[in-house]
Each structure stands twice: as structure tokens, then as C-alpha cells.
Amino acid sequence: MPHFFKKSCGIMALEDMNLGFAEMFFLVILALLLFGPRRLPEIARQMGKFMAEFKKASNEFQGQIHDEIRKLELEEADPRKHLEPEIAKISSDEDLSIQGALNRLTERMKNTVPQDHDV
């Protein structure tokens, strides 16, 4: 089997197809023998159309993938997604006044700062 074929997931795929002048010349002669000089231009046009359609479909598919990735990144970066749960937690407290906030802050500080106790 030629070196430019590789087996990938059970499917034969072209890996690195660098054709020189001799290989291209051989392929043209082979195509002339198989299809004849009258059908060869028609086949070449069909191949060109196929390649153009394939490239267009591939570009559209890649564009759709990139758009979906961009949308997911924007959704992840949306600050509302992260802030809404915190806001809901704060708003569930009964006392939303400044005094209530100061009381909560004082309680947190009492719980985190070690106290000196006389024993």
C-alpha cells in the first residue's frame, strides 16, 4: 500500500498526497485511456463542480460550528448567570435594610475572627 494512505478509524484516508510531474503525467495518461479524449473535459468539469460544492458545504459547516461555539462562550461569560443565584440568596433574607446588612457583616466577622477569652 502506498505511503500516502493511512488507516484511520477503519477508513482509508489520504494523508499527504504530494504528486510530482511523473505521477501527474501517469494519471493523465490513465484517465485518457479509461475515458477517452472526448469525455475527459466533461469529467473534469464535473469534478471541479463537485469540489466547489464540497468546499462550500465544508465552509458553511465550519461557520455553523464556530457560531455555536461563540454562542456557548457568550452564554458562559454572561454575568447574570453567575449573579442571579447570589441575588436570590440575598433577597431571601428578611432584613434588606442597611442595618440588616451591618448585622450580617458583624455576625460574619465574629465567626471568622478569633476571640481572646480569659480562662
PDB file of N, CA and C in Angstrom:
ATOM      1  N   MET A   1       0.851  -1.173   0.000  1.00  0.00           N
ATOM      2  CA  MET A   1       0.000   0.000   0.000  1.00  0.00           C
ATOM      3  C   MET A   1       0.898   1.238   0.000  1.00  0.00           C
ATOM      4  N   PRO A   2       0.585   2.268  -0.818  1.00  0.00           N
ATOM      5  CA  PRO A   2       1.424   3.473  -0.882  1.00  0.00           C
ATOM      6  C   PRO A   2       1.498   4.196   0.454  1.00  0.00           C
ATOM      7  N   HIS A   3       2.564   4.973   0.631  1.00  0.00           N
ATOM      8  CA  HIS A   3       2.803   5.638   1.906  1.00  0.00           C
ATOM      9  C   HIS A   3       1.810   6.757   2.193  1.00  0.00           C
ATOM     10  N   PHE A   4       1.120   7.284   1.182  1.00  0.00           N
ATOM     11  CA  PHE A   4       0.231   8.401   1.437  1.00  0.00           C
ATOM     12  C   PHE A   4      -1.166   7.970   1.859  1.00  0.00           C
ATOM     13  N   PHE A   5      -1.362   6.677   2.060  1.00  0.00           N
ATOM     14  CA  PHE A   5      -2.622   6.208   2.625  1.00  0.00           C
ATOM     15  C   PHE A   5      -2.376   5.839   4.086  1.00  0.00           C
ATOM     16  N   LYS A   6      -3.324   6.093   4.909  1.00  0.00           N
ATOM     17  CA  LYS A   6      -3.206   5.659   6.290  1.00  0.00           C
ATOM     18  C   LYS A   6      -4.547   5.112   6.726  1.00  0.00           C
ATOM     19  N   LYS A   7      -4.512   4.253   7.704  1.00  0.00           N
ATOM     20  CA  LYS A   7      -5.747   3.677   8.212  1.00  0.00           C
ATOM     21  C   LYS A   7      -6.154   4.463   9.447  1.00  0.00           C
ATOM     22  N   SER A   8      -7.315   5.072   9.399  1.00  0.00           N
ATOM     23  CA  SER A   8      -7.797   5.900  10.495  1.00  0.00           C
ATOM     24  C   SER A   8      -9.226   5.512  10.798  1.00  0.00           C
ATOM     25  N   CYS A   9      -9.435   4.924  11.961  1.00  0.00           N
ATOM     26  CA  CYS A   9     -10.776   4.508  12.391  1.00  0.00           C
ATOM     27  C   CYS A   9     -11.414   3.550  11.397  1.00  0.00           C
ATOM     28  N   GLY A  10     -10.626   2.708  10.771  1.00  0.00           N
ATOM     29  CA  GLY A  10     -11.165   1.728   9.835  1.00  0.00           C
ATOM     30  C   GLY A  10     -11.461   2.295   8.467  1.00  0.00           C
ATOM     31  N   ILE A  11     -11.163   3.567   8.236  1.00  0.00           N
ATOM     32  CA  ILE A  11     -11.434   4.198   6.951  1.00  0.00           C
ATOM     33  C   ILE A  11     -10.100   4.586   6.334  1.00  0.00           C
ATOM     34  N   MET A  12      -9.937   4.293   5.068  1.00  0.00           N
ATOM     35  CA  MET A  12      -8.710   4.684   4.383  1.00  0.00           C
ATOM     36  C   MET A  12      -8.817   6.161   4.021  1.00  0.00           C
ATOM     37  N   ALA A  13      -7.820   6.946   4.389  1.00  0.00           N
ATOM     38  CA  ALA A  13      -7.857   8.380   4.115  1.00  0.00           C
ATOM     39  C   ALA A  13      -6.543   8.805   3.488  1.00  0.00           C
ATOM     40  N   LEU A  14      -6.586   9.833   2.617  1.00  0.00           N
ATOM     41  CA  LEU A  14      -5.368  10.378   2.037  1.00  0.00           C
ATOM     42  C   LEU A  14      -4.691  11.251   3.086  1.00  0.00           C
ATOM     43  N   GLU A  15      -3.439  10.971   3.340  1.00  0.00           N
ATOM     44  CA  GLU A  15      -2.745  11.729   4.378  1.00  0.00           C
ATOM     45  C   GLU A  15      -1.960  12.885   3.776  1.00  0.00           C
ATOM     46  N   ASP A  16      -0.961  12.587   2.997  1.00  0.00           N
ATOM     47  CA  ASP A  16      -0.089  13.620   2.449  1.00  0.00           C
ATOM     48  C   ASP A  16       0.188  13.255   1.005  1.00  0.00           C
ATOM     49  N   MET A  17      -0.625  13.766   0.104  1.00  0.00           N
ATOM     50  CA  MET A  17      -0.542  13.363  -1.295  1.00  0.00           C
ATOM     51  C   MET A  17       0.237  14.394  -2.088  1.00  0.00           C
ATOM     52  N   ASN A  18       1.552  14.263  -2.103  1.00  0.00           N
ATOM     53  CA  ASN A  18       2.419  15.132  -2.888  1.00  0.00           C
ATOM     54  C   ASN A  18       2.745  14.415  -4.194  1.00  0.00           C
ATOM     55  N   LEU A  19       2.101  14.852  -5.277  1.00  0.00           N
ATOM     56  CA  LEU A  19       2.321  14.220  -6.570  1.00  0.00           C
ATOM     57  C   LEU A  19       3.315  15.038  -7.378  1.00  0.00           C
ATOM     58  N   GLY A  20       4.318  14.362  -7.894  1.00  0.00           N
ATOM     59  CA  GLY A  20       5.289  15.011  -8.752  1.00  0.00           C
ATOM     60  C   GLY A  20       4.818  14.997 -10.192  1.00  0.00           C
ATOM     61  N   PHE A  21       5.685  15.457 -11.100  1.00  0.00           N
ATOM     62  CA  PHE A  21       5.334  15.523 -12.513  1.00  0.00           C
ATOM     63  C   PHE A  21       5.075  14.135 -13.082  1.00  0.00           C
ATOM     64  N   ALA A  22       5.906  13.170 -12.724  1.00  0.00           N
ATOM     65  CA  ALA A  22       5.763  11.816 -13.270  1.00  0.00           C
ATOM     66  C   ALA A  22       4.428  11.189 -12.839  1.00  0.00           C
ATOM     67  N   GLU A  23       4.061  11.355 -11.599  1.00  0.00           N
ATOM     68  CA  GLU A  23       2.793  10.792 -11.118  1.00  0.00           C
ATOM     69  C   GLU A  23       1.590  11.451 -11.788  1.00  0.00           C
ATOM     70  N   MET A  24       1.650  12.788 -11.929  1.00  0.00           N
ATOM     71  CA  MET A  24       0.558  13.509 -12.591  1.00  0.00           C
ATOM     72  C   MET A  24       0.446  13.086 -14.053  1.00  0.00           C
ATOM     73  N   PHE A  25       1.570  12.959 -14.729  1.00  0.00           N
ATOM     74  CA  PHE A  25       1.577  12.537 -16.128  1.00  0.00           C
ATOM     75  C   PHE A  25       0.957  11.150 -16.265  1.00  0.00           C
ATOM     76  N   PHE A  26       1.312  10.244 -15.372  1.00  0.00           N
ATOM     77  CA  PHE A  26       0.755   8.897 -15.390  1.00  0.00           C
ATOM     78  C   PHE A  26      -0.758   8.925 -15.198  1.00  0.00           C
ATOM     79  N   LEU A  27      -1.246   9.741 -14.264  1.00  0.00           N
ATOM     80  CA  LEU A  27      -2.684   9.833 -14.025  1.00  0.00           C
ATOM     81  C   LEU A  27      -3.435  10.404 -15.227  1.00  0.00           C
ATOM     82  N   VAL A  28      -2.855  11.392 -15.908  1.00  0.00           N
ATOM     83  CA  VAL A  28      -3.494  11.965 -17.096  1.00  0.00           C
ATOM     84  C   VAL A  28      -3.570  10.923 -18.202  1.00  0.00           C
ATOM     85  N   ILE A  29      -2.491  10.179 -18.443  1.00  0.00           N
ATOM     86  CA  ILE A  29      -2.489   9.123 -19.474  1.00  0.00           C
ATOM     87  C   ILE A  29      -3.511   8.047 -19.111  1.00  0.00           C
ATOM     88  N   LEU A  30      -3.562   7.664 -17.851  1.00  0.00           N
ATOM     89  CA  LEU A  30      -4.519   6.646 -17.416  1.00  0.00           C
ATOM     90  C   LEU A  30      -5.959   7.130 -17.633  1.00  0.00           C
ATOM     91  N   ALA A  31      -6.237   8.400 -17.288  1.00  0.00           N
ATOM     92  CA  ALA A  31      -7.577   8.958 -17.497  1.00  0.00           C
ATOM     93  C   ALA A  31      -7.925   9.003 -18.980  1.00  0.00           C
ATOM     94  N   LEU A  32      -6.963   9.359 -19.834  1.00  0.00           N
ATOM     95  CA  LEU A  32      -7.208   9.368 -21.280  1.00  0.00           C
ATOM     96  C   LEU A  32      -7.543   7.976 -21.793  1.00  0.00           C
ATOM     97  N   LEU A  33      -6.833   6.972 -21.301  1.00  0.00           N
ATOM     98  CA  LEU A  33      -7.087   5.602 -21.739  1.00  0.00           C
ATOM     99  C   LEU A  33      -8.444   5.102 -21.249  1.00  0.00           C
ATOM    100  N   LEU A  34      -8.799   5.439 -20.014  1.00  0.00           N
ATOM    101  CA  LEU A  34     -10.055   4.947 -19.456  1.00  0.00           C
ATOM    102  C   LEU A  34     -11.290   5.664 -20.022  1.00  0.00           C
ATOM    103  N   PHE A  35     -11.224   6.979 -20.157  1.00  0.00           N
ATOM    104  CA  PHE A  35     -12.405   7.746 -20.517  1.00  0.00           C
ATOM    105  C   PHE A  35     -12.392   8.279 -21.942  1.00  0.00           C
ATOM    106  N   GLY A  36     -11.241   8.391 -22.547  1.00  0.00           N
ATOM    107  CA  GLY A  36     -11.154   8.924 -23.907  1.00  0.00           C
ATOM    108  C   GLY A  36     -11.059  10.435 -23.902  1.00  0.00           C
ATOM    109  N   PRO A  37     -10.544  10.986 -25.010  1.00  0.00           N
ATOM    110  CA  PRO A  37     -10.328  12.441 -25.071  1.00  0.00           C
ATOM    111  C   PRO A  37     -11.629  13.250 -25.135  1.00  0.00           C
ATOM    112  N   ARG A  38     -12.728  12.649 -25.554  1.00  0.00           N
ATOM    113  CA  ARG A  38     -13.990  13.394 -25.655  1.00  0.00           C
ATOM    114  C   ARG A  38     -14.670  13.557 -24.299  1.00  0.00           C
ATOM    115  N   ARG A  39     -14.603  12.544 -23.474  1.00  0.00           N
ATOM    116  CA  ARG A  39     -15.295  12.599 -22.181  1.00  0.00           C
ATOM    117  C   ARG A  39     -14.438  13.230 -21.087  1.00  0.00           C
ATOM    118  N   LEU A  40     -13.141  13.313 -21.280  1.00  0.00           N
ATOM    119  CA  LEU A  40     -12.247  13.823 -20.239  1.00  0.00           C
ATOM    120  C   LEU A  40     -12.569  15.264 -19.824  1.00  0.00           C
ATOM    121  N   PRO A  41     -12.816  16.227 -20.733  1.00  0.00           N
ATOM    122  CA  PRO A  41     -13.171  17.585 -20.293  1.00  0.00           C
ATOM    123  C   PRO A  41     -14.487  17.622 -19.510  1.00  0.00           C
ATOM    124  N   GLU A  42     -15.451  16.816 -19.925  1.00  0.00           N
ATOM    125  CA  GLU A  42     -16.724  16.757 -19.212  1.00  0.00           C
ATOM    126  C   GLU A  42     -16.528  16.236 -17.791  1.00  0.00           C
ATOM    127  N   ILE A  43     -15.738  15.198 -17.652  1.00  0.00           N
ATOM    128  CA  ILE A  43     -15.454  14.629 -16.331  1.00  0.00           C
ATOM    129  C   ILE A  43     -14.701  15.638 -15.469  1.00  0.00           C
ATOM    130  N   ALA A  44     -13.760  16.360 -16.080  1.00  0.00           N
ATOM    131  CA  ALA A  44     -13.000  17.368 -15.326  1.00  0.00           C
ATOM    132  C   ALA A  44     -13.922  18.482 -14.832  1.00  0.00           C
ATOM    133  N   ARG A  45     -14.882  18.922 -15.662  1.00  0.00           N
ATOM    134  CA  ARG A  45     -15.838  19.945 -15.235  1.00  0.00           C
ATOM    135  C   ARG A  45     -16.684  19.453 -14.074  1.00  0.00           C
ATOM    136  N   GLN A  46     -17.160  18.217 -14.181  1.00  0.00           N
ATOM    137  CA  GLN A  46     -17.970  17.644 -13.110  1.00  0.00           C
ATOM    138  C   GLN A  46     -17.174  17.551 -11.812  1.00  0.00           C
ATOM    139  N   MET A  47     -15.931  17.141 -11.922  1.00  0.00           N
ATOM    140  CA  MET A  47     -15.078  17.066 -10.725  1.00  0.00           C
ATOM    141  C   MET A  47     -14.867  18.457 -10.124  1.00  0.00           C
ATOM    142  N   GLY A  48     -14.665  19.460 -10.978  1.00  0.00           N
ATOM    143  CA  GLY A  48     -14.485  20.829 -10.496  1.00  0.00           C
ATOM    144  C   GLY A  48     -15.727  21.334  -9.775  1.00  0.00           C
ATOM    145  N   LYS A  49     -16.915  21.071 -10.349  1.00  0.00           N
ATOM    146  CA  LYS A  49     -18.165  21.474  -9.704  1.00  0.00           C
ATOM    147  C   LYS A  49     -18.332  20.767  -8.365  1.00  0.00           C
ATOM    148  N   PHE A  50     -18.024  19.464  -8.363  1.00  0.00           N
ATOM    149  CA  PHE A  50     -18.136  18.701  -7.120  1.00  0.00           C
ATOM    150  C   PHE A  50     -17.217  19.269  -6.052  1.00  0.00           C
ATOM    151  N   MET A  51     -15.976  19.556  -6.423  1.00  0.00           N
ATOM    152  CA  MET A  51     -15.012  20.096  -5.453  1.00  0.00           C
ATOM    153  C   MET A  51     -15.473  21.463  -4.929  1.00  0.00           C
ATOM    154  N   ALA A  52     -16.027  22.318  -5.813  1.00  0.00           N
ATOM    155  CA  ALA A  52     -16.507  23.635  -5.383  1.00  0.00           C
ATOM    156  C   ALA A  52     -17.683  23.489  -4.418  1.00  0.00           C
ATOM    157  N   GLU A  53     -18.625  22.600  -4.727  1.00  0.00           N
ATOM    158  CA  GLU A  53     -19.771  22.384  -3.842  1.00  0.00           C
ATOM    159  C   GLU A  53     -19.329  21.808  -2.500  1.00  0.00           C
ATOM    160  N   PHE A  54     -18.373  20.885  -2.557  1.00  0.00           N
ATOM    161  CA  PHE A  54     -17.870  20.280  -1.321  1.00  0.00           C
ATOM    162  C   PHE A  54     -17.199  21.328  -0.443  1.00  0.00           C
ATOM    163  N   LYS A  55     -16.388  22.193  -1.054  1.00  0.00           N
ATOM    164  CA  LYS A  55     -15.699  23.233  -0.294  1.00  0.00           C
ATOM    165  C   LYS A  55     -16.709  24.216   0.302  1.00  0.00           C
ATOM    166  N   LYS A  56     -17.749  24.579  -0.478  1.00  0.00           N
ATOM    167  CA  LYS A  56     -18.773  25.494   0.019  1.00  0.00           C
ATOM    168  C   LYS A  56     -19.511  24.881   1.211  1.00  0.00           C
ATOM    169  N   ALA A  57     -19.900  23.606   1.088  1.00  0.00           N
ATOM    170  CA  ALA A  57     -20.604  22.931   2.186  1.00  0.00           C
ATOM    171  C   ALA A  57     -19.700  22.829   3.411  1.00  0.00           C
ATOM    172  N   SER A  58     -18.430  22.541   3.197  1.00  0.00           N
ATOM    173  CA  SER A  58     -17.482  22.441   4.306  1.00  0.00           C
ATOM    174  C   SER A  58     -17.327  23.785   5.013  1.00  0.00           C
ATOM    175  N   ASN A  59     -17.228  24.859   4.252  1.00  0.00           N
ATOM    176  CA  ASN A  59     -17.104  26.192   4.854  1.00  0.00           C
ATOM    177  C   ASN A  59     -18.357  26.574   5.630  1.00  0.00           C
ATOM    178  N   GLU A  60     -19.537  26.236   5.088  1.00  0.00           N
ATOM    179  CA  GLU A  60     -20.781  26.526   5.801  1.00  0.00           C
ATOM    180  C   GLU A  60     -20.850  25.745   7.109  1.00  0.00           C
ATOM    181  N   PHE A  61     -20.449  24.485   7.057  1.00  0.00           N
ATOM    182  CA  PHE A  61     -20.462  23.651   8.264  1.00  0.00           C
ATOM    183  C   PHE A  61     -19.508  24.210   9.311  1.00  0.00           C
ATOM    184  N   GLN A  62     -18.304  24.586   8.882  1.00  0.00           N
ATOM    185  CA  GLN A  62     -17.341  25.167   9.823  1.00  0.00           C
ATOM    186  C   GLN A  62     -17.873  26.474  10.404  1.00  0.00           C
ATOM    187  N   GLY A  63     -18.541  27.283   9.586  1.00  0.00           N
ATOM    188  CA  GLY A  63     -19.126  28.530  10.070  1.00  0.00           C
ATOM    189  C   GLY A  63     -20.183  28.278  11.131  1.00  0.00           C
ATOM    190  N   GLN A  64     -21.032  27.262  10.907  1.00  0.00           N
ATOM    191  CA  GLN A  64     -22.056  26.926  11.891  1.00  0.00           C
ATOM    192  C   GLN A  64     -21.430  26.464  13.200  1.00  0.00           C
ATOM    193  N   ILE A  65     -20.391  25.649  13.106  1.00  0.00           N
ATOM    194  CA  ILE A  65     -19.701  25.170  14.315  1.00  0.00           C
ATOM    195  C   ILE A  65     -19.112  26.357  15.083  1.00  0.00           C
ATOM    196  N   HIS A  66     -18.447  27.266  14.367  1.00  0.00           N
ATOM    197  CA  HIS A  66     -17.844  28.425  15.030  1.00  0.00           C
ATOM    198  C   HIS A  66     -18.919  29.321  15.655  1.00  0.00           C
ATOM    199  N   ASP A  67     -20.055  29.487  14.980  1.00  0.00           N
ATOM    200  CA  ASP A  67     -21.146  30.287  15.550  1.00  0.00           C
ATOM    201  C   ASP A  67     -21.673  29.671  16.832  1.00  0.00           C
ATOM    202  N   GLU A  68     -21.853  28.355  16.838  1.00  0.00           N
ATOM    203  CA  GLU A  68     -22.354  27.686  18.049  1.00  0.00           C
ATOM    204  C   GLU A  68     -21.357  27.801  19.197  1.00  0.00           C
ATOM    205  N   ILE A  69     -20.077  27.679  18.889  1.00  0.00           N
ATOM    206  CA  ILE A  69     -19.043  27.813  19.927  1.00  0.00           C
ATOM    207  C   ILE A  69     -19.067  29.234  20.489  1.00  0.00           C
ATOM    208  N   ARG A  70     -19.187  30.234  19.596  1.00  0.00           N
ATOM    209  CA  ARG A  70     -19.252  31.618  20.048  1.00  0.00           C
ATOM    210  C   ARG A  70     -20.464  31.853  20.952  1.00  0.00           C
ATOM    211  N   LYS A  71     -21.614  31.286  20.578  1.00  0.00           N
ATOM    212  CA  LYS A  71     -22.817  31.443  21.403  1.00  0.00           C
ATOM    213  C   LYS A  71     -22.617  30.823  22.780  1.00  0.00           C
ATOM    214  N   LEU A  72     -22.008  29.628  22.822  1.00  0.00           N
ATOM    215  CA  LEU A  72     -21.762  28.978  24.108  1.00  0.00           C
ATOM    216  C   LEU A  72     -20.804  29.793  24.972  1.00  0.00           C
ATOM    217  N   GLU A  73     -19.771  30.368  24.347  1.00  0.00           N
ATOM    218  CA  GLU A  73     -18.827  31.186  25.100  1.00  0.00           C
ATOM    219  C   GLU A  73     -19.507  32.436  25.644  1.00  0.00           C
ATOM    220  N   LEU A  74     -20.394  33.044  24.851  1.00  0.00           N
ATOM    221  CA  LEU A  74     -21.100  34.232  25.322  1.00  0.00           C
ATOM    222  C   LEU A  74     -22.055  33.895  26.458  1.00  0.00           C
ATOM    223  N   GLU A  75     -22.724  32.748  26.362  1.00  0.00           N
ATOM    224  CA  GLU A  75     -23.621  32.338  27.440  1.00  0.00           C
ATOM    225  C   GLU A  75     -22.836  32.096  28.725  1.00  0.00           C
ATOM    226  N   GLU A  76     -21.663  31.502  28.604  1.00  0.00           N
ATOM    227  CA  GLU A  76     -20.840  31.207  29.782  1.00  0.00           C
ATOM    228  C   GLU A  76     -20.311  32.502  30.392  1.00  0.00           C
ATOM    229  N   ALA A  77     -20.036  33.498  29.559  1.00  0.00           N
ATOM    230  CA  ALA A  77     -19.487  34.763  30.058  1.00  0.00           C
ATOM    231  C   ALA A  77     -20.573  35.712  30.545  1.00  0.00           C
ATOM    232  N   ASP A  78     -21.833  35.346  30.424  1.00  0.00           N
ATOM    233  CA  ASP A  78     -22.944  36.212  30.833  1.00  0.00           C
ATOM    234  C   ASP A  78     -22.926  36.375  32.357  1.00  0.00           C
ATOM    235  N   PRO A  79     -22.740  37.596  32.849  1.00  0.00           N
ATOM    236  CA  PRO A  79     -22.641  37.786  34.305  1.00  0.00           C
ATOM    237  C   PRO A  79     -23.954  37.500  35.032  1.00  0.00           C
ATOM    238  N   ARG A  80     -25.077  37.628  34.341  1.00  0.00           N
ATOM    239  CA  ARG A  80     -26.360  37.362  35.000  1.00  0.00           C
ATOM    240  C   ARG A  80     -26.448  35.915  35.463  1.00  0.00           C
ATOM    241  N   LYS A  81     -25.836  35.021  34.700  1.00  0.00           N
ATOM    242  CA  LYS A  81     -25.879  33.595  35.054  1.00  0.00           C
ATOM    243  C   LYS A  81     -25.250  33.361  36.427  1.00  0.00           C
ATOM    244  N   HIS A  82     -24.200  34.112  36.731  1.00  0.00           N
ATOM    245  CA  HIS A  82     -23.492  33.928  37.995  1.00  0.00           C
ATOM    246  C   HIS A  82     -24.063  34.794  39.121  1.00  0.00           C
ATOM    247  N   LEU A  83     -24.632  35.937  38.754  1.00  0.00           N
ATOM    248  CA  LEU A  83     -25.109  36.864  39.780  1.00  0.00           C
ATOM    249  C   LEU A  83     -26.520  36.554  40.266  1.00  0.00           C
ATOM    250  N   GLU A  84     -27.373  36.037  39.402  1.00  0.00           N
ATOM    251  CA  GLU A  84     -28.762  35.796  39.786  1.00  0.00           C
ATOM    252  C   GLU A  84     -28.902  34.867  40.998  1.00  0.00           C
ATOM    253  N   PRO A  85     -28.145  33.761  41.094  1.00  0.00           N
ATOM    254  CA  PRO A  85     -28.271  32.935  42.310  1.00  0.00           C
ATOM    255  C   PRO A  85     -27.861  33.683  43.575  1.00  0.00           C
ATOM    256  N   GLU A  86     -26.823  34.511  43.485  1.00  0.00           N
ATOM    257  CA  GLU A  86     -26.387  35.275  44.655  1.00  0.00           C
ATOM    258  C   GLU A  86     -27.437  36.315  45.040  1.00  0.00           C
ATOM    259  N   ILE A  87     -28.017  36.960  44.043  1.00  0.00           N
ATOM    260  CA  ILE A  87     -29.056  37.956  44.311  1.00  0.00           C
ATOM    261  C   ILE A  87     -30.268  37.284  44.948  1.00  0.00           C
ATOM    262  N   ALA A  88     -30.616  36.112  44.431  1.00  0.00           N
ATOM    263  CA  ALA A  88     -31.757  35.385  45.003  1.00  0.00           C
ATOM    264  C   ALA A  88     -31.478  35.010  46.454  1.00  0.00           C
ATOM    265  N   LYS A  89     -30.236  34.609  46.746  1.00  0.00           N
ATOM    266  CA  LYS A  89     -29.885  34.230  48.114  1.00  0.00           C
ATOM    267  C   LYS A  89     -29.975  35.443  49.043  1.00  0.00           C
ATOM    268  N   ILE A  90     -29.485  36.574  48.575  1.00  0.00           N
ATOM    269  CA  ILE A  90     -29.524  37.785  49.397  1.00  0.00           C
ATOM    270  C   ILE A  90     -30.958  38.263  49.577  1.00  0.00           C
ATOM    271  N   SER A  91     -31.749  38.217  48.498  1.00  0.00           N
ATOM    272  CA  SER A  91     -33.117  38.725  48.592  1.00  0.00           C
ATOM    273  C   SER A  91     -34.013  37.809  49.426  1.00  0.00           C
ATOM    274  N   SER A  92     -33.575  36.570  49.667  1.00  0.00           N
ATOM    275  CA  SER A  92     -34.373  35.676  50.500  1.00  0.00           C
ATOM    276  C   SER A  92     -34.244  36.030  51.982  1.00  0.00           C
ATOM    277  N   ASP A  93     -33.207  36.819  52.326  1.00  0.00           N
ATOM    278  CA  ASP A  93     -33.087  37.296  53.708  1.00  0.00           C
ATOM    279  C   ASP A  93     -34.243  38.254  53.999  1.00  0.00           C
ATOM    280  N   GLU A  94     -34.698  38.239  55.243  1.00  0.00           N
ATOM    281  CA  GLU A  94     -35.853  39.071  55.602  1.00  0.00           C
ATOM    282  C   GLU A  94     -35.488  40.545  55.692  1.00  0.00           C
ATOM    283  N   ASP A  95     -34.336  40.834  56.276  1.00  0.00           N
ATOM    284  CA  ASP A  95     -33.957  42.222  56.523  1.00  0.00           C
ATOM    285  C   ASP A  95     -33.005  42.690  55.428  1.00  0.00           C
ATOM    286  N   LEU A  96     -33.489  43.512  54.488  1.00  0.00           N
ATOM    287  CA  LEU A  96     -32.665  44.012  53.396  1.00  0.00           C
ATOM    288  C   LEU A  96     -32.208  45.447  53.643  1.00  0.00           C
ATOM    289  N   SER A  97     -32.407  45.951  54.853  1.00  0.00           N
ATOM    290  CA  SER A  97     -32.010  47.327  55.158  1.00  0.00           C
ATOM    291  C   SER A  97     -30.499  47.382  55.381  1.00  0.00           C
ATOM    292  N   ILE A  98     -29.996  48.601  55.499  1.00  0.00           N
ATOM    293  CA  ILE A  98     -28.572  48.793  55.772  1.00  0.00           C
ATOM    294  C   ILE A  98     -28.227  48.231  57.145  1.00  0.00           C
ATOM    295  N   GLN A  99     -29.114  48.436  58.101  1.00  0.00           N
ATOM    296  CA  GLN A  99     -28.884  47.902  59.447  1.00  0.00           C
ATOM    297  C   GLN A  99     -28.801  46.379  59.404  1.00  0.00           C
ATOM    298  N   GLY A 100     -29.666  45.751  58.627  1.00  0.00           N
ATOM    299  CA  GLY A 100     -29.650  44.297  58.491  1.00  0.00           C
ATOM    300  C   GLY A 100     -28.350  43.809  57.858  1.00  0.00           C
ATOM    301  N   ALA A 101     -27.874  44.565  56.851  1.00  0.00           N
ATOM    302  CA  ALA A 101     -26.603  44.201  56.210  1.00  0.00           C
ATOM    303  C   ALA A 101     -25.452  44.342  57.190  1.00  0.00           C
ATOM    304  N   LEU A 102     -25.463  45.419  58.004  1.00  0.00           N
ATOM    305  CA  LEU A 102     -24.409  45.603  59.007  1.00  0.00           C
ATOM    306  C   LEU A 102     -24.456  44.494  60.055  1.00  0.00           C
ATOM    307  N   ASN A 103     -25.642  44.082  60.444  1.00  0.00           N
ATOM    308  CA  ASN A 103     -25.779  42.993  61.413  1.00  0.00           C
ATOM    309  C   ASN A 103     -25.210  41.688  60.847  1.00  0.00           C
ATOM    310  N   ARG A 104     -25.530  41.407  59.583  1.00  0.00           N
ATOM    311  CA  ARG A 104     -24.993  40.181  58.964  1.00  0.00           C
ATOM    312  C   ARG A 104     -23.471  40.232  58.872  1.00  0.00           C
ATOM    313  N   LEU A 105     -22.941  41.399  58.513  1.00  0.00           N
ATOM    314  CA  LEU A 105     -21.491  41.559  58.408  1.00  0.00           C
ATOM    315  C   LEU A 105     -20.835  41.384  59.770  1.00  0.00           C
ATOM    316  N   THR A 106     -21.441  41.937  60.808  1.00  0.00           N
ATOM    317  CA  THR A 106     -20.910  41.792  62.166  1.00  0.00           C
ATOM    318  C   THR A 106     -20.895  40.324  62.576  1.00  0.00           C
ATOM    319  N   GLU A 107     -21.954  39.611  62.275  1.00  0.00           N
ATOM    320  CA  GLU A 107     -22.015  38.176  62.603  1.00  0.00           C
ATOM    321  C   GLU A 107     -20.920  37.401  61.878  1.00  0.00           C
ATOM    322  N   ARG A 108     -20.712  37.709  60.615  1.00  0.00           N
ATOM    323  CA  ARG A 108     -19.658  37.007  59.860  1.00  0.00           C
ATOM    324  C   ARG A 108     -18.286  37.294  60.453  1.00  0.00           C
ATOM    325  N   MET A 109     -18.063  38.552  60.838  1.00  0.00           N
ATOM    326  CA  MET A 109     -16.768  38.904  61.408  1.00  0.00           C
ATOM    327  C   MET A 109     -16.558  38.209  62.741  1.00  0.00           C
ATOM    328  N   LYS A 110     -17.603  38.096  63.549  1.00  0.00           N
ATOM    329  CA  LYS A 110     -17.486  37.404  64.842  1.00  0.00           C
ATOM    330  C   LYS A 110     -17.138  35.934  64.635  1.00  0.00           C
ATOM    331  N   ASN A 111     -17.677  35.348  63.590  1.00  0.00           N
ATOM    332  CA  ASN A 111     -17.434  33.926  63.333  1.00  0.00           C
ATOM    333  C   ASN A 111     -16.056  33.657  62.732  1.00  0.00           C
ATOM    334  N   THR A 112     -15.443  34.654  62.074  1.00  0.00           N
ATOM    335  CA  THR A 112     -14.168  34.415  61.432  1.00  0.00           C
ATOM    336  C   THR A 112     -12.966  34.919  62.206  1.00  0.00           C
ATOM    337  N   VAL A 113     -13.149  35.918  63.083  1.00  0.00           N
ATOM    338  CA  VAL A 113     -12.043  36.480  63.848  1.00  0.00           C
ATOM    339  C   VAL A 113     -11.946  35.742  65.179  1.00  0.00           C
ATOM    340  N   PRO A 114     -10.756  35.201  65.497  1.00  0.00           N
ATOM    341  CA  PRO A 114     -10.619  34.504  66.789  1.00  0.00           C
ATOM    342  C   PRO A 114     -10.782  35.487  67.952  1.00  0.00           C
ATOM    343  N   GLN A 115     -11.451  35.058  68.979  1.00  0.00           N
ATOM    344  CA  GLN A 115     -11.715  35.871  70.161  1.00  0.00           C
ATOM    345  C   GLN A 115     -10.715  35.502  71.273  1.00  0.00           C
ATOM    346  N   ASP A 116     -10.251  36.515  71.991  1.00  0.00           N
ATOM    347  CA  ASP A 116      -9.400  36.257  73.155  1.00  0.00           C
ATOM    348  C   ASP A 116     -10.309  36.094  74.353  1.00  0.00           C
ATOM    349  N   HIS A 117     -10.261  34.924  74.956  1.00  0.00           N
ATOM    350  CA  HIS A 117     -11.094  34.649  76.111  1.00  0.00           C
ATOM    351  C   HIS A 117     -10.205  34.458  77.335  1.00  0.00           C
ATOM    352  N   ASP A 118     -10.623  35.040  78.447  1.00  0.00           N
ATOM    353  CA  ASP A 118      -9.882  34.855  79.695  1.00  0.00           C
ATOM    354  C   ASP A 118     -10.322  33.507  80.269  1.00  0.00           C
ATOM    355  N   VAL A 119      -9.367  32.695  80.587  1.00  0.00           N
ATOM    356  CA  VAL A 119      -9.668  31.369  81.120  1.00  0.00           C
ATOM    357  C   VAL A 119      -9.364  31.266  82.575  1.00  0.00           C
TER     358      VAL A 119
END
